[in-house]
N, C-alpha and C. Protein backbone atom coordinates (compact mmCIF):
# COMPACT_ATOMS: atom_id res chain seq x y z
N UNK A 1 15.85 -23.92 11.87
CA UNK A 1 15.69 -22.47 11.79
C UNK A 1 14.52 -22.06 12.68
N UNK A 2 14.69 -20.99 13.40
CA UNK A 2 13.63 -20.53 14.30
C UNK A 2 12.42 -20.09 13.50
N UNK A 3 11.25 -20.22 14.14
CA UNK A 3 9.99 -19.91 13.46
C UNK A 3 9.94 -18.49 12.91
N UNK A 4 10.39 -17.50 13.70
CA UNK A 4 10.31 -16.12 13.22
C UNK A 4 11.23 -15.90 12.02
N UNK A 5 12.34 -16.62 11.95
CA UNK A 5 13.22 -16.50 10.78
C UNK A 5 12.57 -17.11 9.55
N UNK A 6 11.85 -18.20 9.73
CA UNK A 6 11.12 -18.80 8.61
C UNK A 6 10.04 -17.86 8.11
N UNK A 7 9.36 -17.22 9.04
CA UNK A 7 8.32 -16.27 8.67
C UNK A 7 8.91 -15.08 7.92
N UNK A 8 10.03 -14.55 8.40
CA UNK A 8 10.69 -13.44 7.72
C UNK A 8 11.13 -13.83 6.31
N UNK A 9 11.64 -15.04 6.17
CA UNK A 9 12.08 -15.53 4.86
C UNK A 9 10.89 -15.65 3.91
N UNK A 10 9.78 -16.20 4.41
CA UNK A 10 8.58 -16.35 3.59
C UNK A 10 8.03 -14.99 3.18
N UNK A 11 8.03 -14.03 4.11
CA UNK A 11 7.54 -12.69 3.81
C UNK A 11 8.41 -12.02 2.76
N UNK A 12 9.71 -12.21 2.87
CA UNK A 12 10.65 -11.65 1.90
C UNK A 12 10.43 -12.25 0.51
N UNK A 13 10.20 -13.56 0.47
CA UNK A 13 9.94 -14.21 -0.82
C UNK A 13 8.63 -13.73 -1.43
N UNK A 14 7.61 -13.52 -0.59
CA UNK A 14 6.34 -12.98 -1.08
C UNK A 14 6.55 -11.59 -1.65
N UNK A 15 7.27 -10.74 -0.90
CA UNK A 15 7.56 -9.38 -1.37
C UNK A 15 8.26 -9.42 -2.74
N UNK A 16 9.26 -10.28 -2.86
CA UNK A 16 10.01 -10.36 -4.12
C UNK A 16 9.14 -10.84 -5.28
N UNK A 17 8.16 -11.67 -4.99
CA UNK A 17 7.29 -12.16 -6.08
C UNK A 17 6.25 -11.12 -6.48
N UNK A 18 5.88 -10.24 -5.55
CA UNK A 18 4.87 -9.20 -5.84
C UNK A 18 5.51 -7.97 -6.45
N UNK A 19 6.62 -7.51 -5.86
CA UNK A 19 7.23 -6.25 -6.27
C UNK A 19 8.29 -6.46 -7.34
N UNK A 20 7.79 -6.79 -8.52
CA UNK A 20 8.63 -6.86 -9.72
C UNK A 20 7.76 -6.39 -10.87
N UNK A 21 8.39 -5.94 -11.92
CA UNK A 21 7.62 -5.49 -13.08
C UNK A 21 6.79 -6.64 -13.62
N UNK A 22 5.58 -6.34 -13.94
CA UNK A 22 4.66 -7.31 -14.53
C UNK A 22 3.65 -6.53 -15.34
N UNK A 23 2.39 -6.88 -15.23
CA UNK A 23 1.34 -6.12 -15.91
C UNK A 23 1.31 -4.69 -15.37
N UNK A 24 1.69 -4.52 -14.10
CA UNK A 24 1.83 -3.19 -13.50
C UNK A 24 3.31 -2.92 -13.26
N UNK A 25 3.73 -1.69 -13.49
CA UNK A 25 5.12 -1.35 -13.19
C UNK A 25 5.29 -1.15 -11.68
N UNK A 26 6.53 -1.13 -11.24
CA UNK A 26 6.82 -1.03 -9.81
C UNK A 26 6.27 0.24 -9.18
N UNK A 27 6.34 1.36 -9.88
CA UNK A 27 5.84 2.62 -9.30
C UNK A 27 4.35 2.52 -9.04
N UNK A 28 3.61 1.97 -9.98
CA UNK A 28 2.16 1.80 -9.80
C UNK A 28 1.88 0.89 -8.62
N UNK A 29 2.63 -0.19 -8.49
CA UNK A 29 2.45 -1.11 -7.37
C UNK A 29 2.72 -0.40 -6.04
N UNK A 30 3.72 0.46 -6.00
CA UNK A 30 4.01 1.19 -4.77
C UNK A 30 2.91 2.19 -4.45
N UNK A 31 2.34 2.84 -5.47
CA UNK A 31 1.23 3.77 -5.24
C UNK A 31 0.00 3.03 -4.72
N UNK A 32 -0.27 1.86 -5.26
CA UNK A 32 -1.36 1.03 -4.74
C UNK A 32 -1.07 0.64 -3.29
N UNK A 33 0.17 0.32 -3.02
CA UNK A 33 0.56 -0.08 -1.66
C UNK A 33 0.42 1.07 -0.67
N UNK A 34 0.65 2.29 -1.14
CA UNK A 34 0.43 3.45 -0.28
C UNK A 34 -1.05 3.53 0.12
N UNK A 35 -1.93 3.41 -0.87
CA UNK A 35 -3.36 3.47 -0.59
C UNK A 35 -3.78 2.34 0.35
N UNK A 36 -3.28 1.14 0.10
CA UNK A 36 -3.62 0.01 0.96
C UNK A 36 -3.10 0.23 2.38
N UNK A 37 -1.91 0.79 2.50
CA UNK A 37 -1.32 1.04 3.81
C UNK A 37 -2.13 2.06 4.59
N UNK A 38 -2.63 3.08 3.90
CA UNK A 38 -3.49 4.07 4.54
C UNK A 38 -4.75 3.38 5.06
N UNK A 39 -5.35 2.54 4.24
CA UNK A 39 -6.57 1.85 4.65
C UNK A 39 -6.32 0.88 5.80
N UNK A 40 -5.12 0.31 5.86
CA UNK A 40 -4.76 -0.60 6.96
C UNK A 40 -4.30 0.17 8.19
N UNK A 41 -4.21 1.50 8.05
CA UNK A 41 -3.79 2.39 9.13
C UNK A 41 -2.38 2.06 9.64
N UNK A 42 -1.52 1.73 8.70
CA UNK A 42 -0.13 1.42 9.04
C UNK A 42 0.75 2.60 8.59
N UNK A 43 1.03 3.48 9.53
CA UNK A 43 1.81 4.68 9.19
C UNK A 43 3.20 4.32 8.67
N UNK A 44 3.85 3.38 9.32
CA UNK A 44 5.20 2.96 8.90
C UNK A 44 5.17 2.37 7.49
N UNK A 45 4.16 1.56 7.21
CA UNK A 45 4.03 0.97 5.87
C UNK A 45 3.85 2.08 4.83
N UNK A 46 3.02 3.06 5.16
CA UNK A 46 2.78 4.18 4.24
C UNK A 46 4.07 4.92 3.95
N UNK A 47 4.86 5.17 5.00
CA UNK A 47 6.14 5.85 4.82
C UNK A 47 7.09 5.05 3.94
N UNK A 48 7.19 3.75 4.19
CA UNK A 48 8.09 2.89 3.42
C UNK A 48 7.69 2.88 1.95
N UNK A 49 6.40 2.69 1.67
CA UNK A 49 5.96 2.63 0.28
C UNK A 49 6.07 3.99 -0.41
N UNK A 50 5.88 5.08 0.33
CA UNK A 50 6.05 6.41 -0.25
C UNK A 50 7.52 6.65 -0.62
N UNK A 51 8.43 6.25 0.25
CA UNK A 51 9.86 6.38 -0.06
C UNK A 51 10.22 5.57 -1.31
N UNK A 52 9.72 4.35 -1.37
CA UNK A 52 10.01 3.50 -2.54
C UNK A 52 9.41 4.10 -3.80
N UNK A 53 8.18 4.61 -3.69
CA UNK A 53 7.52 5.21 -4.86
C UNK A 53 8.32 6.41 -5.37
N UNK A 54 8.81 7.24 -4.44
CA UNK A 54 9.61 8.41 -4.83
C UNK A 54 10.89 7.99 -5.54
N UNK A 55 11.53 6.93 -5.05
CA UNK A 55 12.74 6.44 -5.71
C UNK A 55 12.45 5.95 -7.13
N UNK A 56 11.19 5.56 -7.37
CA UNK A 56 10.78 5.09 -8.70
C UNK A 56 10.17 6.20 -9.54
N UNK A 57 10.27 7.45 -9.05
CA UNK A 57 9.83 8.60 -9.85
C UNK A 57 8.46 9.16 -9.51
N UNK A 58 7.82 8.67 -8.48
CA UNK A 58 6.51 9.21 -8.10
C UNK A 58 6.71 10.60 -7.50
N UNK A 59 5.79 11.47 -7.80
CA UNK A 59 5.83 12.83 -7.26
C UNK A 59 4.99 12.89 -5.98
N UNK A 60 5.16 13.98 -5.24
CA UNK A 60 4.34 14.20 -4.06
C UNK A 60 2.86 14.24 -4.44
N UNK A 61 2.57 14.81 -5.60
CA UNK A 61 1.19 14.90 -6.06
C UNK A 61 0.61 13.51 -6.34
N UNK A 62 1.40 12.62 -6.91
CA UNK A 62 0.94 11.25 -7.18
C UNK A 62 0.64 10.53 -5.86
N UNK A 63 1.53 10.71 -4.90
CA UNK A 63 1.35 10.07 -3.60
C UNK A 63 0.11 10.64 -2.91
N UNK A 64 -0.08 11.94 -2.99
CA UNK A 64 -1.27 12.56 -2.39
C UNK A 64 -2.54 12.03 -3.04
N UNK A 65 -2.53 11.83 -4.34
CA UNK A 65 -3.71 11.29 -5.01
C UNK A 65 -3.98 9.85 -4.60
N UNK A 66 -2.94 9.07 -4.38
CA UNK A 66 -3.12 7.69 -3.89
C UNK A 66 -3.77 7.71 -2.51
N UNK A 67 -3.31 8.62 -1.66
CA UNK A 67 -3.90 8.76 -0.32
C UNK A 67 -5.35 9.23 -0.44
N UNK A 68 -5.61 10.18 -1.34
CA UNK A 68 -6.99 10.65 -1.55
C UNK A 68 -7.91 9.53 -1.98
N UNK A 69 -7.43 8.65 -2.84
CA UNK A 69 -8.25 7.50 -3.27
C UNK A 69 -8.58 6.61 -2.09
N UNK A 70 -7.60 6.36 -1.24
CA UNK A 70 -7.84 5.55 -0.04
C UNK A 70 -8.86 6.21 0.87
N UNK A 71 -8.75 7.52 1.04
CA UNK A 71 -9.69 8.24 1.89
C UNK A 71 -11.11 8.15 1.32
N UNK A 72 -11.24 8.24 0.00
CA UNK A 72 -12.54 8.14 -0.63
C UNK A 72 -13.16 6.76 -0.40
N UNK A 73 -12.37 5.72 -0.60
CA UNK A 73 -12.86 4.35 -0.39
C UNK A 73 -13.28 4.17 1.07
N UNK A 74 -12.46 4.67 1.99
CA UNK A 74 -12.79 4.56 3.41
C UNK A 74 -14.10 5.28 3.73
N UNK A 75 -14.27 6.48 3.20
CA UNK A 75 -15.50 7.24 3.45
C UNK A 75 -16.70 6.54 2.83
N UNK A 76 -16.55 6.08 1.62
CA UNK A 76 -17.65 5.41 0.94
C UNK A 76 -18.08 4.13 1.63
N UNK A 77 -17.12 3.46 2.26
CA UNK A 77 -17.46 2.21 2.93
C UNK A 77 -18.35 2.42 4.14
N UNK A 78 -18.45 3.67 4.59
CA UNK A 78 -19.25 3.98 5.78
C UNK A 78 -20.65 4.47 5.44
N UNK A 79 -20.93 4.72 4.17
CA UNK A 79 -22.23 5.28 3.78
C UNK A 79 -23.40 4.39 4.17
N UNK A 80 -23.23 3.07 4.11
CA UNK A 80 -24.34 2.17 4.42
C UNK A 80 -24.78 2.27 5.86
N UNK A 81 -23.91 2.80 6.74
CA UNK A 81 -24.30 2.95 8.15
C UNK A 81 -25.44 3.94 8.32
N UNK A 82 -25.64 4.82 7.35
CA UNK A 82 -26.75 5.78 7.47
C UNK A 82 -28.09 5.08 7.36
N UNK A 83 -28.12 3.85 6.84
CA UNK A 83 -29.36 3.08 6.73
C UNK A 83 -29.71 2.35 8.02
N UNK A 84 -28.80 2.33 8.98
CA UNK A 84 -29.00 1.58 10.22
C UNK A 84 -30.10 2.21 11.07
N UNK A 85 -30.17 3.53 11.06
CA UNK A 85 -31.17 4.19 11.93
C UNK A 85 -32.47 4.43 11.21
């Protein structure tokens, strides 16, 4: 099997092991994934996870709050730079 096919298979298996009901439900996991995608600056990832979250009952307001949380973390991570000067 070609290397890229092995990688795709491994990624698919990882996805299947993460995105299943557990201590967190699937909708919560997708909302977390939206925030992580924003922080990783992956627009396509954000779109995919937002679509999945909506299919699981997330509202636009829930998605917006997940994005707001990511923005807050990103902004807070930069505060220490004010100590550089």
